[in-house]
Protein backbone atom coordinates (compact mmCIF):
# COMPACT_ATOMS: atom_id res chain seq x y z
CA UNK A 1 -0.03 0.06 -0.04
CA UNK A 2 2.88 2.30 0.77
CA UNK A 3 4.40 1.76 -2.68
CA UNK A 4 0.98 2.52 -4.35
CA UNK A 5 0.78 5.79 -2.42
CA UNK A 6 4.33 6.76 -3.45
CA UNK A 7 3.49 5.94 -7.10
CA UNK A 8 0.27 7.94 -6.98
CA UNK A 9 2.09 10.92 -5.40
CA UNK A 10 4.82 10.73 -8.04
CA UNK A 11 2.23 10.70 -10.92
CA UNK A 12 0.30 13.59 -9.32
CA UNK A 13 3.51 15.67 -8.92
CA UNK A 14 4.47 14.95 -12.59
CA UNK A 15 1.08 16.09 -13.78
CA UNK A 16 1.23 19.26 -11.74
CA UNK A 17 4.96 20.14 -12.43
CA UNK A 18 4.98 19.26 -16.20
CA UNK A 19 3.34 22.46 -17.42
CA UNK A 20 5.62 24.62 -15.33
CA UNK A 21 8.66 22.83 -16.39
CA UNK A 22 8.02 22.56 -20.12
CA UNK A 23 5.95 25.65 -20.94
CA UNK A 24 2.52 24.25 -20.88
CA UNK A 25 1.16 27.31 -22.74
CA UNK A 26 -1.62 27.28 -25.25
CA UNK A 27 -1.75 24.82 -28.04
CA UNK A 28 0.35 26.25 -30.92
CA UNK A 29 -2.43 25.48 -33.50
CA UNK A 30 -4.98 27.40 -31.42
CA UNK A 31 -2.67 30.28 -30.73
CA UNK A 32 -1.89 30.70 -34.44
CA UNK A 33 -5.56 30.81 -35.57
CA UNK A 34 -6.36 34.35 -34.30
CA UNK A 35 -3.05 35.65 -35.85
CA UNK A 36 -3.97 34.05 -39.18
CA UNK A 37 -7.54 35.38 -38.96
CA UNK A 38 -6.28 38.97 -38.52
CA UNK A 39 -3.46 38.78 -40.97
CA UNK A 40 -5.70 40.16 -43.83
CA UNK A 41 -5.83 43.59 -42.14
CA UNK A 42 -9.47 44.01 -42.78
CA UNK A 43 -11.73 44.89 -39.98
CA UNK A 44 -15.36 44.09 -40.32
CA UNK A 45 -17.88 45.87 -38.13
CA UNK A 46 -20.91 43.89 -37.23
CA UNK A 47 -23.99 45.76 -36.29
CA UNK A 48 -25.60 44.88 -32.95
CA UNK A 49 -28.41 42.37 -33.21
CA UNK A 50 -31.87 43.72 -32.69
CA UNK A 51 -33.38 41.90 -29.69
CA UNK A 52 -36.94 40.96 -30.19
CA UNK A 53 -39.31 42.29 -27.55
CA UNK A 54 -40.48 39.52 -25.26
CA UNK A 55 -44.21 38.65 -25.55
CA UNK A 56 -46.21 38.41 -22.32
CA UNK A 57 -46.83 34.80 -21.26
CA UNK A 58 -49.89 33.77 -19.42
CA UNK A 59 -49.57 30.98 -16.88
CA UNK A 60 -53.06 31.00 -15.92
CA UNK A 61 -54.52 27.47 -16.40
CA UNK A 62 -58.06 28.28 -15.09
CA UNK A 63 -60.87 28.25 -17.56
CA UNK A 64 -61.79 31.67 -18.79
CA UNK A 65 -65.37 31.18 -17.48
CA UNK A 66 -64.25 30.86 -13.78
CA UNK A 67 -62.89 34.16 -12.61
CA UNK A 68 -61.90 34.63 -8.97
CA UNK A 69 -59.55 32.55 -6.69
CA UNK A 70 -57.18 30.12 -8.28
CA UNK A 71 -58.38 26.56 -8.68
CA UNK A 72 -57.00 24.13 -6.04
CA UNK A 73 -55.65 20.65 -6.77
CA UNK A 74 -58.78 18.91 -5.41
CA UNK A 75 -61.13 21.28 -7.41
CA UNK A 76 -59.11 20.59 -10.61
CA UNK A 77 -59.26 16.79 -9.91
CA UNK A 78 -63.05 17.06 -9.28
CA UNK A 79 -63.44 18.77 -12.68
CA UNK A 80 -61.11 16.30 -14.55
CA UNK A 81 -62.13 12.99 -12.99
CA UNK A 82 -65.87 12.87 -14.28
CA UNK A 83 -64.56 13.40 -17.81
CA UNK A 84 -62.53 10.23 -17.68
CA UNK A 85 -64.05 7.20 -19.32
CA UNK A 86 -61.26 4.61 -18.78
CA UNK A 87 -59.30 3.29 -15.85
CA UNK A 88 -56.05 4.63 -17.41
CA UNK A 89 -57.46 8.11 -17.56
CA UNK A 90 -58.50 7.90 -13.97
CA UNK A 91 -55.10 6.75 -12.94
CA UNK A 92 -53.43 9.57 -14.84
CA UNK A 93 -55.78 12.07 -13.14
CA UNK A 94 -54.91 10.60 -9.64
CA UNK A 95 -51.14 10.84 -10.57
CA UNK A 96 -51.62 14.45 -11.58
CA UNK A 97 -53.43 15.05 -8.30
CA UNK A 98 -50.56 13.59 -6.35
CA UNK A 99 -48.05 15.67 -8.30
CA UNK A 100 -50.10 18.82 -7.83
CA UNK A 101 -50.43 18.35 -4.05
CA UNK A 102 -46.68 17.80 -3.86
CA UNK A 103 -45.59 20.74 -6.10
CA UNK A 104 -48.60 23.03 -6.15
CA UNK A 105 -48.89 22.90 -9.98
CA UNK A 106 -51.07 20.71 -12.13
CA UNK A 107 -48.92 18.85 -14.72
CA UNK A 108 -50.19 19.13 -18.36
């Protein structure tokens, strides 16, 4: 175990000291790229991009016909459950109710 620790320490020291001892600068191919790009002497001005104005987003999931207080999870389940005709639909509605009670948001 002692020899393994000595070996690991020597490898770590080599990895850390190598760049200091042998230059460790940028890759020559990467360093030469900007110089080759600007060698033409032409400067091209790029106009700033016009940012589109953000559109308002509505996060209201209540039906338009029900103004007032926000709909609770159990109210939403009571509205969704009677619509279901299959067992799978009822299971999805129950799963959505569990998620809504845990997070406060009805998953869509």
